[in-house]
Amino acid sequence: ATPSFVAQFSDMLGKGVFGSSLFVIGMFVFSHDLVGSLGCCGLMRILFARHVLAPTVMVGLALLVGSRGDQLRVMVLQSALPQAVVTFNISAKYGVGVELLTSSIAVG
């Protein structure tokens, strides 16, 4: 069984994923001026794919390989988390912690 602090941490992380992903997608969309080229419907399709379709596909794949319980939750949570490169781009844009993130991405 999973220790309670690990379960609490994964629940807390899961609650924060949606907002941080929307923030990252919003920064990317507006920094590359995709609003005009994609339109509202195109952006909604991207958001749907990122926040609904990707975790749903991960649930199917995890069940296919026999994952259950905490392992299933971690796999779905990982599929919804923003990537490290996106975090680095945010850091580089605002000039905060670039060296730290560069070294952590290289080690990871």
PDB file of N, CA and C in Angstrom:
ATOM      1  N   ALA A   1       0.840  -1.191   0.000  1.00  0.00           N
ATOM      2  CA  ALA A   1       0.000   0.000   0.000  1.00  0.00           C
ATOM      3  C   ALA A   1       0.877   1.243   0.000  1.00  0.00           C
ATOM      4  N   THR A   2       0.355   2.296  -0.564  1.00  0.00           N
ATOM      5  CA  THR A   2       1.075   3.557  -0.655  1.00  0.00           C
ATOM      6  C   THR A   2       0.989   4.312   0.664  1.00  0.00           C
ATOM      7  N   PRO A   3       2.127   4.861   1.137  1.00  0.00           N
ATOM      8  CA  PRO A   3       2.077   5.683   2.347  1.00  0.00           C
ATOM      9  C   PRO A   3       1.142   6.881   2.147  1.00  0.00           C
ATOM     10  N   SER A   4       0.554   7.340   3.234  1.00  0.00           N
ATOM     11  CA  SER A   4      -0.444   8.411   3.137  1.00  0.00           C
ATOM     12  C   SER A   4       0.139   9.711   2.596  1.00  0.00           C
ATOM     13  N   PHE A   5       1.407  10.024   2.931  1.00  0.00           N
ATOM     14  CA  PHE A   5       1.980  11.275   2.446  1.00  0.00           C
ATOM     15  C   PHE A   5       2.192  11.232   0.932  1.00  0.00           C
ATOM     16  N   VAL A   6       2.461  10.057   0.372  1.00  0.00           N
ATOM     17  CA  VAL A   6       2.608   9.935  -1.078  1.00  0.00           C
ATOM     18  C   VAL A   6       1.254  10.116  -1.759  1.00  0.00           C
ATOM     19  N   ALA A   7       0.218   9.520  -1.188  1.00  0.00           N
ATOM     20  CA  ALA A   7      -1.130   9.669  -1.747  1.00  0.00           C
ATOM     21  C   ALA A   7      -1.592  11.120  -1.670  1.00  0.00           C
ATOM     22  N   GLN A   8      -1.301  11.795  -0.555  1.00  0.00           N
ATOM     23  CA  GLN A   8      -1.686  13.202  -0.415  1.00  0.00           C
ATOM     24  C   GLN A   8      -0.935  14.074  -1.416  1.00  0.00           C
ATOM     25  N   PHE A   9       0.350  13.772  -1.608  1.00  0.00           N
ATOM     26  CA  PHE A   9       1.150  14.537  -2.563  1.00  0.00           C
ATOM     27  C   PHE A   9       0.629  14.354  -3.986  1.00  0.00           C
ATOM     28  N   SER A  10       0.310  13.122  -4.365  1.00  0.00           N
ATOM     29  CA  SER A  10      -0.184  12.894  -5.724  1.00  0.00           C
ATOM     30  C   SER A  10      -1.550  13.539  -5.930  1.00  0.00           C
ATOM     31  N   ASP A  11      -2.393  13.552  -4.905  1.00  0.00           N
ATOM     32  CA  ASP A  11      -3.679  14.240  -5.015  1.00  0.00           C
ATOM     33  C   ASP A  11      -3.483  15.746  -5.188  1.00  0.00           C
ATOM     34  N   MET A  12      -2.565  16.321  -4.404  1.00  0.00           N
ATOM     35  CA  MET A  12      -2.289  17.748  -4.496  1.00  0.00           C
ATOM     36  C   MET A  12      -1.701  18.092  -5.871  1.00  0.00           C
ATOM     37  N   LEU A  13      -0.793  17.264  -6.351  1.00  0.00           N
ATOM     38  CA  LEU A  13      -0.192  17.485  -7.658  1.00  0.00           C
ATOM     39  C   LEU A  13      -1.236  17.374  -8.761  1.00  0.00           C
ATOM     40  N   GLY A  14      -2.125  16.404  -8.631  1.00  0.00           N
ATOM     41  CA  GLY A  14      -3.180  16.218  -9.616  1.00  0.00           C
ATOM     42  C   GLY A  14      -4.117  17.403  -9.704  1.00  0.00           C
ATOM     43  N   LYS A  15      -4.383  18.035  -8.580  1.00  0.00           N
ATOM     44  CA  LYS A  15      -5.276  19.197  -8.579  1.00  0.00           C
ATOM     45  C   LYS A  15      -4.622  20.412  -9.231  1.00  0.00           C
ATOM     46  N   GLY A  16      -3.304  20.475  -9.201  1.00  0.00           N
ATOM     47  CA  GLY A  16      -2.608  21.617  -9.780  1.00  0.00           C
ATOM     48  C   GLY A  16      -2.239  21.465 -11.242  1.00  0.00           C
ATOM     49  N   VAL A  17      -2.362  20.277 -11.784  1.00  0.00           N
ATOM     50  CA  VAL A  17      -1.928  20.020 -13.155  1.00  0.00           C
ATOM     51  C   VAL A  17      -2.753  20.794 -14.176  1.00  0.00           C
ATOM     52  N   PHE A  18      -4.052  20.805 -14.013  1.00  0.00           N
ATOM     53  CA  PHE A  18      -4.916  21.421 -15.016  1.00  0.00           C
ATOM     54  C   PHE A  18      -4.618  22.905 -15.170  1.00  0.00           C
ATOM     55  N   GLY A  19      -4.509  23.612 -14.064  1.00  0.00           N
ATOM     56  CA  GLY A  19      -4.227  25.045 -14.129  1.00  0.00           C
ATOM     57  C   GLY A  19      -2.870  25.352 -14.719  1.00  0.00           C
ATOM     58  N   SER A  20      -1.856  24.597 -14.319  1.00  0.00           N
ATOM     59  CA  SER A  20      -0.520  24.858 -14.855  1.00  0.00           C
ATOM     60  C   SER A  20      -0.444  24.518 -16.338  1.00  0.00           C
ATOM     61  N   SER A  21      -1.131  23.475 -16.762  1.00  0.00           N
ATOM     62  CA  SER A  21      -1.141  23.134 -18.185  1.00  0.00           C
ATOM     63  C   SER A  21      -1.843  24.207 -19.005  1.00  0.00           C
ATOM     64  N   LEU A  22      -2.956  24.723 -18.498  1.00  0.00           N
ATOM     65  CA  LEU A  22      -3.641  25.806 -19.207  1.00  0.00           C
ATOM     66  C   LEU A  22      -2.758  27.046 -19.305  1.00  0.00           C
ATOM     67  N   PHE A  23      -2.020  27.344 -18.236  1.00  0.00           N
ATOM     68  CA  PHE A  23      -1.114  28.488 -18.247  1.00  0.00           C
ATOM     69  C   PHE A  23      -0.029  28.314 -19.302  1.00  0.00           C
ATOM     70  N   VAL A  24       0.568  27.129 -19.356  1.00  0.00           N
ATOM     71  CA  VAL A  24       1.640  26.855 -20.314  1.00  0.00           C
ATOM     72  C   VAL A  24       1.113  26.930 -21.744  1.00  0.00           C
ATOM     73  N   ILE A  25      -0.041  26.328 -21.988  1.00  0.00           N
ATOM     74  CA  ILE A  25      -0.611  26.375 -23.334  1.00  0.00           C
ATOM     75  C   ILE A  25      -0.953  27.813 -23.713  1.00  0.00           C
ATOM     76  N   GLY A  26      -1.493  28.575 -22.774  1.00  0.00           N
ATOM     77  CA  GLY A  26      -1.804  29.975 -23.047  1.00  0.00           C
ATOM     78  C   GLY A  26      -0.576  30.790 -23.392  1.00  0.00           C
ATOM     79  N   MET A  27       0.513  30.576 -22.660  1.00  0.00           N
ATOM     80  CA  MET A  27       1.755  31.291 -22.970  1.00  0.00           C
ATOM     81  C   MET A  27       2.270  30.923 -24.350  1.00  0.00           C
ATOM     82  N   PHE A  28       2.220  29.638 -24.682  1.00  0.00           N
ATOM     83  CA  PHE A  28       2.703  29.191 -25.985  1.00  0.00           C
ATOM     84  C   PHE A  28       1.852  29.767 -27.108  1.00  0.00           C
ATOM     85  N   VAL A  29       0.543  29.715 -26.940  1.00  0.00           N
ATOM     86  CA  VAL A  29      -0.378  30.187 -27.981  1.00  0.00           C
ATOM     87  C   VAL A  29      -0.182  31.675 -28.239  1.00  0.00           C
ATOM     88  N   PHE A  30      -0.103  32.464 -27.192  1.00  0.00           N
ATOM     89  CA  PHE A  30      -0.001  33.905 -27.386  1.00  0.00           C
ATOM     90  C   PHE A  30       1.406  34.355 -27.762  1.00  0.00           C
ATOM     91  N   SER A  31       2.437  33.614 -27.380  1.00  0.00           N
ATOM     92  CA  SER A  31       3.788  34.001 -27.780  1.00  0.00           C
ATOM     93  C   SER A  31       4.064  33.657 -29.237  1.00  0.00           C
ATOM     94  N   HIS A  32       3.350  32.682 -29.788  1.00  0.00           N
ATOM     95  CA  HIS A  32       3.532  32.304 -31.192  1.00  0.00           C
ATOM     96  C   HIS A  32       2.390  32.796 -32.079  1.00  0.00           C
ATOM     97  N   ASP A  33       1.515  33.625 -31.548  1.00  0.00           N
ATOM     98  CA  ASP A  33       0.390  34.215 -32.271  1.00  0.00           C
ATOM     99  C   ASP A  33      -0.434  33.157 -33.013  1.00  0.00           C
ATOM    100  N   LEU A  34      -0.820  32.120 -32.288  1.00  0.00           N
ATOM    101  CA  LEU A  34      -1.620  31.053 -32.879  1.00  0.00           C
ATOM    102  C   LEU A  34      -3.113  31.334 -32.828  1.00  0.00           C
ATOM    103  N   VAL A  35      -3.517  32.366 -32.101  1.00  0.00           N
ATOM    104  CA  VAL A  35      -4.941  32.666 -31.976  1.00  0.00           C
ATOM    105  C   VAL A  35      -5.519  33.027 -33.335  1.00  0.00           C
ATOM    106  N   GLY A  36      -4.816  33.851 -34.080  1.00  0.00           N
ATOM    107  CA  GLY A  36      -5.307  34.248 -35.393  1.00  0.00           C
ATOM    108  C   GLY A  36      -5.291  33.116 -36.395  1.00  0.00           C
ATOM    109  N   SER A  37      -4.260  32.279 -36.353  1.00  0.00           N
ATOM    110  CA  SER A  37      -4.152  31.221 -37.354  1.00  0.00           C
ATOM    111  C   SER A  37      -5.044  30.021 -37.048  1.00  0.00           C
ATOM    112  N   LEU A  38      -5.223  29.677 -35.777  1.00  0.00           N
ATOM    113  CA  LEU A  38      -6.033  28.509 -35.427  1.00  0.00           C
ATOM    114  C   LEU A  38      -7.493  28.845 -35.184  1.00  0.00           C
ATOM    115  N   GLY A  39      -7.751  30.005 -34.666  1.00  0.00           N
ATOM    116  CA  GLY A  39      -9.114  30.371 -34.314  1.00  0.00           C
ATOM    117  C   GLY A  39      -9.534  29.712 -33.014  1.00  0.00           C
ATOM    118  N   CYS A  40     -10.712  30.054 -32.567  1.00  0.00           N
ATOM    119  CA  CYS A  40     -11.215  29.545 -31.288  1.00  0.00           C
ATOM    120  C   CYS A  40     -11.453  28.037 -31.322  1.00  0.00           C
ATOM    121  N   CYS A  41     -12.006  27.533 -32.420  1.00  0.00           N
ATOM    122  CA  CYS A  41     -12.289  26.090 -32.510  1.00  0.00           C
ATOM    123  C   CYS A  41     -11.002  25.271 -32.518  1.00  0.00           C
ATOM    124  N   GLY A  42      -9.993  25.764 -33.198  1.00  0.00           N
ATOM    125  CA  GLY A  42      -8.713  25.062 -33.224  1.00  0.00           C
ATOM    126  C   GLY A  42      -8.072  24.999 -31.846  1.00  0.00           C
ATOM    127  N   LEU A  43      -8.147  26.105 -31.111  1.00  0.00           N
ATOM    128  CA  LEU A  43      -7.600  26.121 -29.754  1.00  0.00           C
ATOM    129  C   LEU A  43      -8.368  25.182 -28.831  1.00  0.00           C
ATOM    130  N   MET A  44      -9.677  25.125 -28.999  1.00  0.00           N
ATOM    131  CA  MET A  44     -10.482  24.217 -28.171  1.00  0.00           C
ATOM    132  C   MET A  44     -10.133  22.759 -28.461  1.00  0.00           C
ATOM    133  N   ARG A  45      -9.845  22.444 -29.721  1.00  0.00           N
ATOM    134  CA  ARG A  45      -9.429  21.072 -30.058  1.00  0.00           C
ATOM    135  C   ARG A  45      -8.096  20.733 -29.408  1.00  0.00           C
ATOM    136  N   ILE A  46      -7.173  21.687 -29.407  1.00  0.00           N
ATOM    137  CA  ILE A  46      -5.871  21.457 -28.771  1.00  0.00           C
ATOM    138  C   ILE A  46      -6.048  21.236 -27.271  1.00  0.00           C
ATOM    139  N   LEU A  47      -6.844  22.078 -26.632  1.00  0.00           N
ATOM    140  CA  LEU A  47      -7.076  21.929 -25.193  1.00  0.00           C
ATOM    141  C   LEU A  47      -7.767  20.610 -24.875  1.00  0.00           C
ATOM    142  N   PHE A  48      -8.716  20.213 -25.697  1.00  0.00           N
ATOM    143  CA  PHE A  48      -9.397  18.934 -25.494  1.00  0.00           C
ATOM    144  C   PHE A  48      -8.409  17.779 -25.610  1.00  0.00           C
ATOM    145  N   ALA A  49      -7.560  17.823 -26.621  1.00  0.00           N
ATOM    146  CA  ALA A  49      -6.590  16.745 -26.811  1.00  0.00           C
ATOM    147  C   ALA A  49      -5.613  16.670 -25.644  1.00  0.00           C
ATOM    148  N   ARG A  50      -5.181  17.815 -25.154  1.00  0.00           N
ATOM    149  CA  ARG A  50      -4.179  17.833 -24.084  1.00  0.00           C
ATOM    150  C   ARG A  50      -4.754  17.411 -22.735  1.00  0.00           C
ATOM    151  N   HIS A  51      -5.967  17.855 -22.424  1.00  0.00           N
ATOM    152  CA  HIS A  51      -6.500  17.652 -21.079  1.00  0.00           C
ATOM    153  C   HIS A  51      -7.499  16.518 -20.955  1.00  0.00           C
ATOM    154  N   VAL A  52      -8.045  16.053 -22.050  1.00  0.00           N
ATOM    155  CA  VAL A  52      -9.026  14.968 -21.977  1.00  0.00           C
ATOM    156  C   VAL A  52      -8.540  13.742 -22.733  1.00  0.00           C
ATOM    157  N   LEU A  53      -8.131  13.932 -23.976  1.00  0.00           N
ATOM    158  CA  LEU A  53      -7.768  12.800 -24.813  1.00  0.00           C
ATOM    159  C   LEU A  53      -6.489  12.102 -24.341  1.00  0.00           C
ATOM    160  N   ALA A  54      -5.436  12.862 -24.043  1.00  0.00           N
ATOM    161  CA  ALA A  54      -4.173  12.246 -23.626  1.00  0.00           C
ATOM    162  C   ALA A  54      -4.316  11.430 -22.335  1.00  0.00           C
ATOM    163  N   PRO A  55      -4.930  11.953 -21.270  1.00  0.00           N
ATOM    164  CA  PRO A  55      -5.111  11.118 -20.077  1.00  0.00           C
ATOM    165  C   PRO A  55      -6.035   9.918 -20.313  1.00  0.00           C
ATOM    166  N   THR A  56      -7.039  10.074 -21.184  1.00  0.00           N
ATOM    167  CA  THR A  56      -7.936   8.952 -21.476  1.00  0.00           C
ATOM    168  C   THR A  56      -7.197   7.837 -22.201  1.00  0.00           C
ATOM    169  N   VAL A  57      -6.360   8.202 -23.154  1.00  0.00           N
ATOM    170  CA  VAL A  57      -5.550   7.197 -23.853  1.00  0.00           C
ATOM    171  C   VAL A  57      -4.604   6.516 -22.873  1.00  0.00           C
ATOM    172  N   MET A  58      -4.028   7.291 -21.949  1.00  0.00           N
ATOM    173  CA  MET A  58      -3.124   6.706 -20.960  1.00  0.00           C
ATOM    174  C   MET A  58      -3.852   5.726 -20.055  1.00  0.00           C
ATOM    175  N   VAL A  59      -5.091   6.013 -19.675  1.00  0.00           N
ATOM    176  CA  VAL A  59      -5.870   5.066 -18.864  1.00  0.00           C
ATOM    177  C   VAL A  59      -6.035   3.760 -19.624  1.00  0.00           C
ATOM    178  N   GLY A  60      -6.390   3.853 -20.895  1.00  0.00           N
ATOM    179  CA  GLY A  60      -6.552   2.649 -21.704  1.00  0.00           C
ATOM    180  C   GLY A  60      -5.271   1.850 -21.817  1.00  0.00           C
ATOM    181  N   LEU A  61      -4.156   2.531 -22.065  1.00  0.00           N
ATOM    182  CA  LEU A  61      -2.872   1.836 -22.177  1.00  0.00           C
ATOM    183  C   LEU A  61      -2.443   1.222 -20.849  1.00  0.00           C
ATOM    184  N   ALA A  62      -2.666   1.947 -19.763  1.00  0.00           N
ATOM    185  CA  ALA A  62      -2.288   1.430 -18.445  1.00  0.00           C
ATOM    186  C   ALA A  62      -3.103   0.198 -18.089  1.00  0.00           C
ATOM    187  N   LEU A  63      -4.396   0.225 -18.377  1.00  0.00           N
ATOM    188  CA  LEU A  63      -5.228  -0.951 -18.113  1.00  0.00           C
ATOM    189  C   LEU A  63      -4.836  -2.109 -19.015  1.00  0.00           C
ATOM    190  N   LEU A  64      -4.412  -1.797 -20.238  1.00  0.00           N
ATOM    191  CA  LEU A  64      -3.995  -2.831 -21.176  1.00  0.00           C
ATOM    192  C   LEU A  64      -2.767  -3.591 -20.677  1.00  0.00           C
ATOM    193  N   VAL A  65      -1.838  -2.878 -20.044  1.00  0.00           N
ATOM    194  CA  VAL A  65      -0.639  -3.542 -19.525  1.00  0.00           C
ATOM    195  C   VAL A  65      -0.825  -4.048 -18.100  1.00  0.00           C
ATOM    196  N   GLY A  66      -2.012  -3.851 -17.540  1.00  0.00           N
ATOM    197  CA  GLY A  66      -2.313  -4.417 -16.231  1.00  0.00           C
ATOM    198  C   GLY A  66      -2.046  -3.528 -15.037  1.00  0.00           C
ATOM    199  N   SER A  67      -1.892  -2.240 -15.248  1.00  0.00           N
ATOM    200  CA  SER A  67      -1.657  -1.320 -14.126  1.00  0.00           C
ATOM    201  C   SER A  67      -2.969  -1.042 -13.406  1.00  0.00           C
ATOM    202  N   ARG A  68      -2.898  -1.007 -12.092  1.00  0.00           N
ATOM    203  CA  ARG A  68      -4.070  -0.718 -11.269  1.00  0.00           C
ATOM    204  C   ARG A  68      -3.646   0.164 -10.095  1.00  0.00           C
ATOM    205  N   GLY A  69      -4.595   0.768  -9.446  1.00  0.00           N
ATOM    206  CA  GLY A  69      -4.357   1.512  -8.207  1.00  0.00           C
ATOM    207  C   GLY A  69      -3.446   2.705  -8.385  1.00  0.00           C
ATOM    208  N   ASP A  70      -2.448   2.788  -7.504  1.00  0.00           N
ATOM    209  CA  ASP A  70      -1.546   3.939  -7.487  1.00  0.00           C
ATOM    210  C   ASP A  70      -0.718   4.042  -8.763  1.00  0.00           C
ATOM    211  N   GLN A  71      -0.314   2.905  -9.295  1.00  0.00           N
ATOM    212  CA  GLN A  71       0.473   2.931 -10.525  1.00  0.00           C
ATOM    213  C   GLN A  71      -0.341   3.532 -11.676  1.00  0.00           C
ATOM    214  N   LEU A  72      -1.602   3.199 -11.747  1.00  0.00           N
ATOM    215  CA  LEU A  72      -2.491   3.761 -12.768  1.00  0.00           C
ATOM    216  C   LEU A  72      -2.631   5.271 -12.586  1.00  0.00           C
ATOM    217  N   ARG A  73      -2.822   5.712 -11.348  1.00  0.00           N
ATOM    218  CA  ARG A  73      -2.963   7.152 -11.090  1.00  0.00           C
ATOM    219  C   ARG A  73      -1.704   7.917 -11.456  1.00  0.00           C
ATOM    220  N   VAL A  74      -0.542   7.358 -11.134  1.00  0.00           N
ATOM    221  CA  VAL A  74       0.717   8.029 -11.451  1.00  0.00           C
ATOM    222  C   VAL A  74       0.901   8.129 -12.964  1.00  0.00           C
ATOM    223  N   MET A  75       0.556   7.080 -13.690  1.00  0.00           N
ATOM    224  CA  MET A  75       0.703   7.105 -15.146  1.00  0.00           C
ATOM    225  C   MET A  75      -0.207   8.157 -15.784  1.00  0.00           C
ATOM    226  N   VAL A  76      -1.435   8.252 -15.309  1.00  0.00           N
ATOM    227  CA  VAL A  76      -2.369   9.242 -15.848  1.00  0.00           C
ATOM    228  C   VAL A  76      -1.916  10.650 -15.484  1.00  0.00           C
ATOM    229  N   LEU A  77      -1.458  10.836 -14.260  1.00  0.00           N
ATOM    230  CA  LEU A  77      -0.969  12.139 -13.822  1.00  0.00           C
ATOM    231  C   LEU A  77       0.244  12.561 -14.642  1.00  0.00           C
ATOM    232  N   GLN A  78       1.147  11.626 -14.898  1.00  0.00           N
ATOM    233  CA  GLN A  78       2.337  11.931 -15.691  1.00  0.00           C
ATOM    234  C   GLN A  78       1.971  12.329 -17.117  1.00  0.00           C
ATOM    235  N   SER A  79       0.938  11.724 -17.674  1.00  0.00           N
ATOM    236  CA  SER A  79       0.534  12.081 -19.041  1.00  0.00           C
ATOM    237  C   SER A  79      -0.075  13.476 -19.108  1.00  0.00           C
ATOM    238  N   ALA A  80      -0.580  13.980 -18.001  1.00  0.00           N
ATOM    239  CA  ALA A  80      -1.206  15.303 -17.990  1.00  0.00           C
ATOM    240  C   ALA A  80      -0.251  16.416 -17.570  1.00  0.00           C
ATOM    241  N   LEU A  81       0.890  16.071 -17.003  1.00  0.00           N
ATOM    242  CA  LEU A  81       1.830  17.091 -16.537  1.00  0.00           C
ATOM    243  C   LEU A  81       2.531  17.791 -17.696  1.00  0.00           C
ATOM    244  N   PRO A  82       2.840  19.073 -17.537  1.00  0.00           N
ATOM    245  CA  PRO A  82       3.634  19.761 -18.558  1.00  0.00           C
ATOM    246  C   PRO A  82       5.042  19.172 -18.620  1.00  0.00           C
ATOM    247  N   GLN A  83       5.642  19.249 -19.772  1.00  0.00           N
ATOM    248  CA  GLN A  83       6.978  18.694 -19.967  1.00  0.00           C
ATOM    249  C   GLN A  83       8.040  19.629 -19.391  1.00  0.00           C
ATOM    250  N   ALA A  84       9.224  19.089 -19.111  1.00  0.00           N
ATOM    251  CA  ALA A  84      10.316  19.878 -18.533  1.00  0.00           C
ATOM    252  C   ALA A  84      10.782  20.970 -19.482  1.00  0.00           C
ATOM    253  N   VAL A  85      10.731  20.717 -20.771  1.00  0.00           N
ATOM    254  CA  VAL A  85      11.175  21.716 -21.735  1.00  0.00           C
ATOM    255  C   VAL A  85      10.270  22.942 -21.692  1.00  0.00           C
ATOM    256  N   VAL A  86       8.985  22.727 -21.497  1.00  0.00           N
ATOM    257  CA  VAL A  86       8.051  23.846 -21.402  1.00  0.00           C
ATOM    258  C   VAL A  86       8.366  24.679 -20.166  1.00  0.00           C
ATOM    259  N   THR A  87       8.665  24.014 -19.060  1.00  0.00           N
ATOM    260  CA  THR A  87       9.046  24.718 -17.842  1.00  0.00           C
ATOM    261  C   THR A  87      10.307  25.540 -18.071  1.00  0.00           C
ATOM    262  N   PHE A  88      11.263  24.983 -18.803  1.00  0.00           N
ATOM    263  CA  PHE A  88      12.478  25.720 -19.124  1.00  0.00           C
ATOM    264  C   PHE A  88      12.162  26.946 -19.976  1.00  0.00           C
ATOM    265  N   ASN A  89      11.256  26.819 -20.937  1.00  0.00           N
ATOM    266  CA  ASN A  89      10.896  27.966 -21.778  1.00  0.00           C
ATOM    267  C   ASN A  89      10.276  29.093 -20.963  1.00  0.00           C
ATOM    268  N   ILE A  90       9.433  28.742 -20.005  1.00  0.00           N
ATOM    269  CA  ILE A  90       8.845  29.760 -19.132  1.00  0.00           C
ATOM    270  C   ILE A  90       9.940  30.433 -18.317  1.00  0.00           C
ATOM    271  N   SER A  91      10.850  29.634 -17.782  1.00  0.00           N
ATOM    272  CA  SER A  91      11.941  30.171 -16.984  1.00  0.00           C
ATOM    273  C   SER A  91      12.830  31.090 -17.816  1.00  0.00           C
ATOM    274  N   ALA A  92      13.136  30.678 -19.038  1.00  0.00           N
ATOM    275  CA  ALA A  92      13.990  31.495 -19.899  1.00  0.00           C
ATOM    276  C   ALA A  92      13.294  32.795 -20.292  1.00  0.00           C
ATOM    277  N   LYS A  93      11.993  32.732 -20.521  1.00  0.00           N
ATOM    278  CA  LYS A  93      11.242  33.935 -20.920  1.00  0.00           C
ATOM    279  C   LYS A  93      11.274  34.994 -19.827  1.00  0.00           C
ATOM    280  N   TYR A  94      11.145  34.562 -18.563  1.00  0.00           N
ATOM    281  CA  TYR A  94      11.117  35.508 -17.452  1.00  0.00           C
ATOM    282  C   TYR A  94      12.458  35.638 -16.736  1.00  0.00           C
ATOM    283  N   GLY A  95      13.464  34.863 -17.156  1.00  0.00           N
ATOM    284  CA  GLY A  95      14.798  34.981 -16.593  1.00  0.00           C
ATOM    285  C   GLY A  95      14.918  34.547 -15.144  1.00  0.00           C
ATOM    286  N   VAL A  96      14.146  33.557 -14.734  1.00  0.00           N
ATOM    287  CA  VAL A  96      14.158  33.100 -13.348  1.00  0.00           C
ATOM    288  C   VAL A  96      14.610  31.644 -13.294  1.00  0.00           C
ATOM    289  N   GLY A  97      15.713  31.377 -12.619  1.00  0.00           N
ATOM    290  CA  GLY A  97      16.150  30.004 -12.384  1.00  0.00           C
ATOM    291  C   GLY A  97      16.575  29.241 -13.623  1.00  0.00           C
ATOM    292  N   VAL A  98      17.078  29.925 -14.641  1.00  0.00           N
ATOM    293  CA  VAL A  98      17.439  29.254 -15.888  1.00  0.00           C
ATOM    294  C   VAL A  98      18.568  28.252 -15.667  1.00  0.00           C
ATOM    295  N   GLU A  99      19.579  28.636 -14.885  1.00  0.00           N
ATOM    296  CA  GLU A  99      20.714  27.743 -14.653  1.00  0.00           C
ATOM    297  C   GLU A  99      20.284  26.478 -13.914  1.00  0.00           C
ATOM    298  N   LEU A 100      19.436  26.645 -12.920  1.00  0.00           N
ATOM    299  CA  LEU A 100      18.958  25.500 -12.148  1.00  0.00           C
ATOM    300  C   LEU A 100      18.155  24.548 -13.025  1.00  0.00           C
ATOM    301  N   LEU A 101      17.251  25.077 -13.824  1.00  0.00           N
ATOM    302  CA  LEU A 101      16.445  24.223 -14.693  1.00  0.00           C
ATOM    303  C   LEU A 101      17.279  23.574 -15.783  1.00  0.00           C
ATOM    304  N   THR A 102      18.273  24.290 -16.306  1.00  0.00           N
ATOM    305  CA  THR A 102      19.139  23.707 -17.322  1.00  0.00           C
ATOM    306  C   THR A 102      19.874  22.504 -16.764  1.00  0.00           C
ATOM    307  N   SER A 103      20.413  22.624 -15.563  1.00  0.00           N
ATOM    308  CA  SER A 103      21.138  21.497 -14.972  1.00  0.00           C
ATOM    309  C   SER A 103      20.195  20.363 -14.598  1.00  0.00           C
ATOM    310  N   SER A 104      18.979  20.668 -14.147  1.00  0.00           N
ATOM    311  CA  SER A 104      18.057  19.593 -13.779  1.00  0.00           C
ATOM    312  C   SER A 104      17.541  18.858 -15.006  1.00  0.00           C
ATOM    313  N   ILE A 105      17.358  19.549 -16.130  1.00  0.00           N
ATOM    314  CA  ILE A 105      16.943  18.881 -17.362  1.00  0.00           C
ATOM    315  C   ILE A 105      18.074  18.013 -17.888  1.00  0.00           C
ATOM    316  N   ALA A 106      19.319  18.493 -17.788  1.00  0.00           N
ATOM    317  CA  ALA A 106      20.455  17.704 -18.259  1.00  0.00           C
ATOM    318  C   ALA A 106      20.640  16.448 -17.422  1.00  0.00           C
ATOM    319  N   VAL A 107      20.448  16.546 -16.112  1.00  0.00           N
ATOM    320  CA  VAL A 107      20.591  15.383 -15.234  1.00  0.00           C
ATOM    321  C   VAL A 107      19.430  14.423 -15.433  1.00  0.00           C
ATOM    322  N   GLY A 108      18.203  14.964 -15.553  1.00  0.00           N
ATOM    323  CA  GLY A 108      17.012  14.132 -15.699  1.00  0.00           C
ATOM    324  C   GLY A 108      17.004  13.448 -17.010  1.00  0.00           C
TER     325      GLY A 108
END
